[in-house]
Amino acid sequence: MAEEIEEIRRQKLEELRNRDATESDEEPAQSPSQPIRVDGKAELTDVVSDHDVVLVDFYADWCGPCQMLEPVVESIAAETDAVVAKVDVDANQGLAAEHSVRGVPTLLVFAEGQAVERLVGMQDESRLRSVIEAHA
């Protein structure tokens, strides 16, 4: 019995090693087609550093314009190469303060790890697309 368990462990370890080697040879991951919920500075830093263009939507659940903007950012996530990250300002007050978010919705565009655009208030989809395309 112990020999069978050891053999299974050995096989699983070999599978993991092979999978890791295969994954490192693959193309970089495509942009998610849904917005990513970000909770905290470390998560936001990871998302921004892992992707070329990131649209960060600082929002609040109680905010009417934020609710109106939600389908627009979902469309941007689904139809562009930009990654869309959503940050709840009530749950992440320190992160919002760090990025000087004083009102919601506030949208930040990061390109190659740097904040390059700031849009405050309700935005129309064509405006967001043109800002993203300018940095893609």
N, C-alpha and C. Protein backbone atom coordinates (compact mmCIF):
# COMPACT_ATOMS: atom_id res chain seq x y z
N MET A 1 0.83 -1.19 0.00
CA MET A 1 0.00 0.00 0.00
C MET A 1 0.88 1.26 0.00
N ALA A 2 1.88 1.31 0.86
CA ALA A 2 2.76 2.47 0.93
C ALA A 2 3.51 2.65 -0.39
N GLU A 3 3.87 1.54 -1.03
CA GLU A 3 4.56 1.62 -2.32
C GLU A 3 3.65 2.21 -3.39
N GLU A 4 2.37 1.86 -3.38
CA GLU A 4 1.41 2.40 -4.35
C GLU A 4 1.24 3.90 -4.17
N ILE A 5 1.15 4.34 -2.92
CA ILE A 5 1.00 5.77 -2.63
C ILE A 5 2.24 6.52 -3.09
N GLU A 6 3.40 5.96 -2.83
CA GLU A 6 4.64 6.60 -3.24
C GLU A 6 4.72 6.69 -4.77
N GLU A 7 4.27 5.65 -5.47
CA GLU A 7 4.27 5.67 -6.93
C GLU A 7 3.32 6.75 -7.46
N ILE A 8 2.15 6.89 -6.85
CA ILE A 8 1.19 7.94 -7.25
C ILE A 8 1.80 9.31 -7.02
N ARG A 9 2.45 9.52 -5.89
CA ARG A 9 3.12 10.79 -5.61
C ARG A 9 4.17 11.11 -6.66
N ARG A 10 4.98 10.10 -7.01
CA ARG A 10 6.01 10.29 -8.00
C ARG A 10 5.41 10.68 -9.35
N GLN A 11 4.33 10.01 -9.75
CA GLN A 11 3.67 10.32 -11.02
C GLN A 11 3.09 11.75 -11.01
N LYS A 12 2.45 12.13 -9.93
CA LYS A 12 1.87 13.47 -9.83
C LYS A 12 2.97 14.54 -9.87
N LEU A 13 4.06 14.30 -9.19
CA LEU A 13 5.18 15.24 -9.21
C LEU A 13 5.72 15.39 -10.63
N GLU A 14 5.85 14.30 -11.34
CA GLU A 14 6.32 14.33 -12.72
C GLU A 14 5.34 15.11 -13.61
N GLU A 15 4.02 14.89 -13.41
CA GLU A 15 3.01 15.63 -14.18
C GLU A 15 3.12 17.13 -13.92
N LEU A 16 3.30 17.51 -12.67
CA LEU A 16 3.43 18.92 -12.32
C LEU A 16 4.67 19.54 -12.96
N ARG A 17 5.77 18.82 -12.92
CA ARG A 17 6.99 19.33 -13.54
C ARG A 17 6.81 19.52 -15.04
N ASN A 18 6.17 18.56 -15.70
CA ASN A 18 5.93 18.65 -17.13
C ASN A 18 4.98 19.80 -17.45
N ARG A 19 3.95 19.97 -16.64
CA ARG A 19 2.98 21.05 -16.86
C ARG A 19 3.66 22.41 -16.69
N ASP A 20 4.47 22.57 -15.65
CA ASP A 20 5.18 23.83 -15.43
C ASP A 20 6.11 24.16 -16.59
N ALA A 21 6.80 23.16 -17.10
CA ALA A 21 7.71 23.38 -18.23
C ALA A 21 6.93 23.78 -19.48
N THR A 22 5.77 23.16 -19.69
CA THR A 22 4.94 23.48 -20.85
C THR A 22 4.39 24.89 -20.73
N GLU A 23 3.91 25.27 -19.54
CA GLU A 23 3.32 26.59 -19.35
C GLU A 23 4.35 27.70 -19.57
N SER A 24 5.59 27.47 -19.20
CA SER A 24 6.59 28.52 -19.37
C SER A 24 6.92 28.75 -20.85
N ASP A 25 6.63 27.76 -21.71
CA ASP A 25 6.87 27.89 -23.14
C ASP A 25 5.70 28.52 -23.87
N GLU A 26 4.54 28.64 -23.21
CA GLU A 26 3.34 29.14 -23.86
C GLU A 26 3.39 30.65 -24.04
N GLU A 27 2.50 31.15 -24.91
CA GLU A 27 2.34 32.58 -25.11
C GLU A 27 1.85 33.22 -23.82
N PRO A 28 2.06 34.52 -23.63
CA PRO A 28 1.53 35.18 -22.46
C PRO A 28 0.00 35.08 -22.44
N ALA A 29 -0.56 35.11 -21.26
CA ALA A 29 -2.00 34.98 -21.11
C ALA A 29 -2.71 36.15 -21.77
N GLN A 30 -3.85 35.85 -22.37
CA GLN A 30 -4.64 36.91 -22.98
C GLN A 30 -5.35 37.70 -21.88
N SER A 31 -5.82 38.87 -22.25
CA SER A 31 -6.54 39.70 -21.31
C SER A 31 -7.84 39.02 -20.92
N PRO A 32 -8.19 39.10 -19.64
CA PRO A 32 -9.47 38.52 -19.23
C PRO A 32 -10.62 39.27 -19.89
N SER A 33 -11.69 38.55 -20.21
CA SER A 33 -12.83 39.17 -20.88
C SER A 33 -13.83 39.74 -19.88
N GLN A 34 -13.56 39.61 -18.61
CA GLN A 34 -14.40 40.17 -17.55
C GLN A 34 -13.54 41.08 -16.69
N PRO A 35 -14.14 42.11 -16.09
CA PRO A 35 -13.36 42.93 -15.15
C PRO A 35 -12.85 42.08 -13.98
N ILE A 36 -11.68 42.43 -13.49
CA ILE A 36 -11.06 41.74 -12.36
C ILE A 36 -11.33 42.57 -11.11
N ARG A 37 -11.85 41.96 -10.06
CA ARG A 37 -12.03 42.66 -8.78
C ARG A 37 -10.68 42.69 -8.08
N VAL A 38 -10.23 43.88 -7.72
CA VAL A 38 -8.94 44.05 -7.07
C VAL A 38 -9.16 44.49 -5.64
N ASP A 39 -8.47 43.83 -4.73
CA ASP A 39 -8.59 44.15 -3.31
C ASP A 39 -7.20 44.36 -2.73
N GLY A 40 -6.78 45.59 -2.69
CA GLY A 40 -5.50 45.91 -2.07
C GLY A 40 -4.42 46.31 -3.06
N LYS A 41 -3.41 46.96 -2.50
CA LYS A 41 -2.32 47.50 -3.30
C LYS A 41 -1.54 46.41 -4.03
N ALA A 42 -1.26 45.31 -3.34
CA ALA A 42 -0.46 44.24 -3.94
C ALA A 42 -1.16 43.67 -5.18
N GLU A 43 -2.47 43.44 -5.09
CA GLU A 43 -3.21 42.91 -6.25
C GLU A 43 -3.18 43.89 -7.41
N LEU A 44 -3.39 45.17 -7.12
CA LEU A 44 -3.38 46.16 -8.19
C LEU A 44 -1.99 46.24 -8.83
N THR A 45 -0.96 46.23 -8.02
CA THR A 45 0.40 46.26 -8.54
C THR A 45 0.66 45.07 -9.45
N ASP A 46 0.20 43.89 -9.05
CA ASP A 46 0.39 42.69 -9.87
C ASP A 46 -0.33 42.82 -11.22
N VAL A 47 -1.58 43.27 -11.18
CA VAL A 47 -2.35 43.40 -12.42
C VAL A 47 -1.68 44.41 -13.35
N VAL A 48 -1.29 45.56 -12.81
CA VAL A 48 -0.68 46.62 -13.63
C VAL A 48 0.66 46.16 -14.20
N SER A 49 1.44 45.43 -13.42
CA SER A 49 2.76 45.01 -13.91
C SER A 49 2.66 43.82 -14.88
N ASP A 50 1.59 43.03 -14.80
CA ASP A 50 1.46 41.85 -15.65
C ASP A 50 0.86 42.14 -17.02
N HIS A 51 0.29 43.34 -17.22
CA HIS A 51 -0.41 43.64 -18.47
C HIS A 51 0.03 44.98 -19.03
N ASP A 52 -0.02 45.10 -20.35
CA ASP A 52 0.43 46.33 -21.01
C ASP A 52 -0.48 47.52 -20.72
N VAL A 53 -1.79 47.35 -20.95
CA VAL A 53 -2.75 48.43 -20.72
C VAL A 53 -3.81 47.95 -19.74
N VAL A 54 -4.00 48.73 -18.67
CA VAL A 54 -4.97 48.38 -17.65
C VAL A 54 -5.85 49.59 -17.39
N LEU A 55 -7.16 49.37 -17.44
CA LEU A 55 -8.14 50.39 -17.07
C LEU A 55 -8.61 50.05 -15.66
N VAL A 56 -8.37 50.96 -14.71
CA VAL A 56 -8.77 50.72 -13.33
C VAL A 56 -9.99 51.59 -13.03
N ASP A 57 -11.07 50.93 -12.64
CA ASP A 57 -12.33 51.60 -12.33
C ASP A 57 -12.48 51.67 -10.81
N PHE A 58 -12.27 52.86 -10.25
CA PHE A 58 -12.52 53.08 -8.83
C PHE A 58 -14.00 53.41 -8.69
N TYR A 59 -14.74 52.59 -7.97
CA TYR A 59 -16.19 52.72 -7.91
C TYR A 59 -16.69 52.51 -6.48
N ALA A 60 -18.00 52.76 -6.29
CA ALA A 60 -18.68 52.44 -5.04
C ALA A 60 -20.04 51.85 -5.40
N ASP A 61 -20.49 50.88 -4.62
CA ASP A 61 -21.77 50.23 -4.90
C ASP A 61 -22.94 51.21 -4.84
N TRP A 62 -22.86 52.21 -3.98
CA TRP A 62 -23.95 53.17 -3.80
C TRP A 62 -23.97 54.27 -4.84
N CYS A 63 -23.00 54.30 -5.73
CA CYS A 63 -22.81 55.40 -6.70
C CYS A 63 -23.62 55.13 -7.98
N GLY A 64 -24.58 56.01 -8.27
CA GLY A 64 -25.40 55.86 -9.48
C GLY A 64 -24.59 55.90 -10.76
N PRO A 65 -23.73 56.91 -10.96
CA PRO A 65 -22.92 56.93 -12.19
C PRO A 65 -22.03 55.70 -12.32
N CYS A 66 -21.57 55.16 -11.20
CA CYS A 66 -20.74 53.94 -11.25
C CYS A 66 -21.56 52.77 -11.80
N GLN A 67 -22.81 52.68 -11.37
CA GLN A 67 -23.69 51.61 -11.85
C GLN A 67 -23.98 51.78 -13.33
N MET A 68 -24.13 53.04 -13.78
CA MET A 68 -24.36 53.29 -15.21
C MET A 68 -23.11 52.97 -16.02
N LEU A 69 -21.93 53.12 -15.44
CA LEU A 69 -20.67 52.88 -16.13
C LEU A 69 -20.33 51.38 -16.22
N GLU A 70 -20.91 50.59 -15.34
CA GLU A 70 -20.55 49.17 -15.28
C GLU A 70 -20.68 48.44 -16.62
N PRO A 71 -21.79 48.56 -17.36
CA PRO A 71 -21.85 47.85 -18.65
C PRO A 71 -20.80 48.34 -19.65
N VAL A 72 -20.42 49.60 -19.54
CA VAL A 72 -19.39 50.16 -20.43
C VAL A 72 -18.05 49.50 -20.15
N VAL A 73 -17.66 49.41 -18.87
CA VAL A 73 -16.36 48.80 -18.56
C VAL A 73 -16.38 47.30 -18.83
N GLU A 74 -17.54 46.66 -18.68
CA GLU A 74 -17.63 45.24 -19.03
C GLU A 74 -17.42 45.05 -20.53
N SER A 75 -17.98 45.95 -21.33
CA SER A 75 -17.79 45.89 -22.78
C SER A 75 -16.32 46.12 -23.15
N ILE A 76 -15.68 47.08 -22.48
CA ILE A 76 -14.26 47.35 -22.72
C ILE A 76 -13.43 46.10 -22.41
N ALA A 77 -13.75 45.44 -21.30
CA ALA A 77 -13.02 44.22 -20.91
C ALA A 77 -13.21 43.12 -21.95
N ALA A 78 -14.42 42.98 -22.46
CA ALA A 78 -14.73 41.90 -23.39
C ALA A 78 -14.20 42.15 -24.79
N GLU A 79 -14.13 43.42 -25.20
CA GLU A 79 -13.88 43.70 -26.60
C GLU A 79 -12.56 44.40 -26.91
N THR A 80 -11.73 44.65 -25.90
CA THR A 80 -10.42 45.26 -26.16
C THR A 80 -9.33 44.40 -25.53
N ASP A 81 -8.09 44.73 -25.83
CA ASP A 81 -6.96 44.02 -25.25
C ASP A 81 -6.61 44.53 -23.86
N ALA A 82 -7.26 45.61 -23.44
CA ALA A 82 -6.98 46.16 -22.11
C ALA A 82 -7.58 45.27 -21.04
N VAL A 83 -6.90 45.21 -19.91
CA VAL A 83 -7.43 44.53 -18.74
C VAL A 83 -8.19 45.57 -17.94
N VAL A 84 -9.37 45.19 -17.45
CA VAL A 84 -10.16 46.10 -16.63
C VAL A 84 -10.13 45.60 -15.19
N ALA A 85 -9.68 46.47 -14.30
CA ALA A 85 -9.65 46.15 -12.86
C ALA A 85 -10.65 47.06 -12.16
N LYS A 86 -11.41 46.49 -11.23
CA LYS A 86 -12.39 47.27 -10.48
C LYS A 86 -11.96 47.32 -9.02
N VAL A 87 -11.94 48.55 -8.47
CA VAL A 87 -11.53 48.75 -7.08
C VAL A 87 -12.68 49.42 -6.34
N ASP A 88 -13.22 48.74 -5.33
CA ASP A 88 -14.28 49.29 -4.49
C ASP A 88 -13.62 50.27 -3.50
N VAL A 89 -13.96 51.56 -3.64
CA VAL A 89 -13.29 52.57 -2.80
C VAL A 89 -13.67 52.44 -1.33
N ASP A 90 -14.85 51.91 -1.02
CA ASP A 90 -15.24 51.73 0.38
C ASP A 90 -14.39 50.66 1.05
N ALA A 91 -14.09 49.60 0.32
CA ALA A 91 -13.29 48.51 0.87
C ALA A 91 -11.79 48.78 0.76
N ASN A 92 -11.39 49.73 -0.09
CA ASN A 92 -9.98 50.01 -0.34
C ASN A 92 -9.71 51.50 -0.25
N GLN A 93 -10.06 52.10 0.88
CA GLN A 93 -9.91 53.54 1.06
C GLN A 93 -8.46 54.00 0.93
N GLY A 94 -7.54 53.24 1.46
CA GLY A 94 -6.12 53.59 1.38
C GLY A 94 -5.62 53.59 -0.06
N LEU A 95 -6.04 52.59 -0.82
CA LEU A 95 -5.64 52.50 -2.23
C LEU A 95 -6.23 53.66 -3.03
N ALA A 96 -7.47 54.00 -2.74
CA ALA A 96 -8.10 55.14 -3.42
C ALA A 96 -7.36 56.44 -3.07
N ALA A 97 -7.02 56.60 -1.81
CA ALA A 97 -6.30 57.81 -1.39
C ALA A 97 -4.92 57.88 -2.04
N GLU A 98 -4.25 56.73 -2.14
CA GLU A 98 -2.92 56.69 -2.75
C GLU A 98 -2.95 57.16 -4.20
N HIS A 99 -4.07 56.91 -4.88
CA HIS A 99 -4.21 57.30 -6.28
C HIS A 99 -5.02 58.59 -6.43
N SER A 100 -5.16 59.33 -5.32
CA SER A 100 -5.84 60.63 -5.30
C SER A 100 -7.26 60.57 -5.86
N VAL A 101 -7.96 59.49 -5.55
CA VAL A 101 -9.34 59.36 -5.97
C VAL A 101 -10.21 60.11 -4.96
N ARG A 102 -10.82 61.19 -5.41
CA ARG A 102 -11.63 62.02 -4.53
C ARG A 102 -13.12 61.90 -4.84
N GLY A 103 -13.44 61.36 -6.00
CA GLY A 103 -14.83 61.16 -6.40
C GLY A 103 -14.94 59.89 -7.22
N VAL A 104 -16.14 59.33 -7.26
CA VAL A 104 -16.36 58.12 -8.04
C VAL A 104 -17.46 58.38 -9.06
N PRO A 105 -17.38 57.76 -10.20
CA PRO A 105 -16.29 56.88 -10.64
C PRO A 105 -15.06 57.68 -11.09
N THR A 106 -13.91 57.11 -10.79
CA THR A 106 -12.64 57.61 -11.32
C THR A 106 -11.99 56.46 -12.07
N LEU A 107 -11.57 56.72 -13.28
CA LEU A 107 -10.93 55.71 -14.11
C LEU A 107 -9.49 56.12 -14.34
N LEU A 108 -8.57 55.19 -14.07
CA LEU A 108 -7.16 55.41 -14.36
C LEU A 108 -6.74 54.44 -15.44
N VAL A 109 -5.97 54.92 -16.39
CA VAL A 109 -5.41 54.06 -17.42
C VAL A 109 -3.92 53.93 -17.15
N PHE A 110 -3.46 52.70 -17.03
CA PHE A 110 -2.04 52.41 -16.86
C PHE A 110 -1.52 51.81 -18.15
N ALA A 111 -0.39 52.29 -18.60
CA ALA A 111 0.28 51.72 -19.77
C ALA A 111 1.72 51.42 -19.36
N GLU A 112 2.10 50.18 -19.55
CA GLU A 112 3.44 49.71 -19.20
C GLU A 112 3.81 50.08 -17.76
N GLY A 113 2.85 49.90 -16.86
CA GLY A 113 3.09 50.08 -15.44
C GLY A 113 2.94 51.50 -14.91
N GLN A 114 2.69 52.46 -15.77
CA GLN A 114 2.59 53.86 -15.35
C GLN A 114 1.19 54.40 -15.59
N ALA A 115 0.69 55.20 -14.64
CA ALA A 115 -0.60 55.86 -14.83
C ALA A 115 -0.44 56.93 -15.90
N VAL A 116 -1.24 56.85 -16.98
CA VAL A 116 -1.09 57.78 -18.10
C VAL A 116 -2.34 58.62 -18.35
N GLU A 117 -3.48 58.22 -17.81
CA GLU A 117 -4.73 58.97 -18.01
C GLU A 117 -5.57 58.87 -16.75
N ARG A 118 -6.33 59.93 -16.49
CA ARG A 118 -7.30 59.96 -15.39
C ARG A 118 -8.60 60.55 -15.93
N LEU A 119 -9.69 59.81 -15.76
CA LEU A 119 -11.00 60.26 -16.19
C LEU A 119 -11.93 60.20 -14.98
N VAL A 120 -12.62 61.28 -14.70
CA VAL A 120 -13.50 61.34 -13.54
C VAL A 120 -14.93 61.52 -14.01
N GLY A 121 -15.85 60.74 -13.43
CA GLY A 121 -17.26 60.83 -13.78
C GLY A 121 -17.64 59.84 -14.86
N MET A 122 -18.91 59.88 -15.21
CA MET A 122 -19.44 58.99 -16.25
C MET A 122 -18.73 59.26 -17.57
N GLN A 123 -18.29 58.19 -18.22
CA GLN A 123 -17.59 58.30 -19.51
C GLN A 123 -18.35 57.52 -20.57
N ASP A 124 -18.31 58.01 -21.75
CA ASP A 124 -18.95 57.28 -22.84
C ASP A 124 -17.97 56.26 -23.40
N GLU A 125 -18.53 55.17 -23.91
CA GLU A 125 -17.71 54.03 -24.33
C GLU A 125 -16.71 54.41 -25.42
N SER A 126 -17.11 55.24 -26.36
CA SER A 126 -16.19 55.61 -27.44
C SER A 126 -14.99 56.40 -26.89
N ARG A 127 -15.23 57.23 -25.88
CA ARG A 127 -14.13 57.99 -25.25
C ARG A 127 -13.14 57.02 -24.60
N LEU A 128 -13.66 56.04 -23.85
CA LEU A 128 -12.78 55.07 -23.19
C LEU A 128 -12.00 54.26 -24.21
N ARG A 129 -12.66 53.84 -25.27
CA ARG A 129 -11.97 53.06 -26.30
C ARG A 129 -10.84 53.87 -26.93
N SER A 130 -11.09 55.15 -27.20
CA SER A 130 -10.05 55.95 -27.84
C SER A 130 -8.87 56.18 -26.89
N VAL A 131 -9.14 56.34 -25.60
CA VAL A 131 -8.05 56.50 -24.63
C VAL A 131 -7.22 55.21 -24.57
N ILE A 132 -7.88 54.08 -24.54
CA ILE A 132 -7.17 52.79 -24.47
C ILE A 132 -6.36 52.58 -25.75
N GLU A 133 -6.97 52.84 -26.90
CA GLU A 133 -6.27 52.64 -28.18
C GLU A 133 -5.05 53.56 -28.29
N ALA A 134 -5.12 54.73 -27.69
CA ALA A 134 -3.98 55.66 -27.74
C ALA A 134 -2.78 55.11 -26.99
N HIS A 135 -3.01 54.19 -26.06
CA HIS A 135 -1.91 53.65 -25.26
C HIS A 135 -1.63 52.17 -25.54
N ALA A 136 -2.36 51.60 -26.47
CA ALA A 136 -2.16 50.17 -26.77
C ALA A 136 -0.93 49.95 -27.63
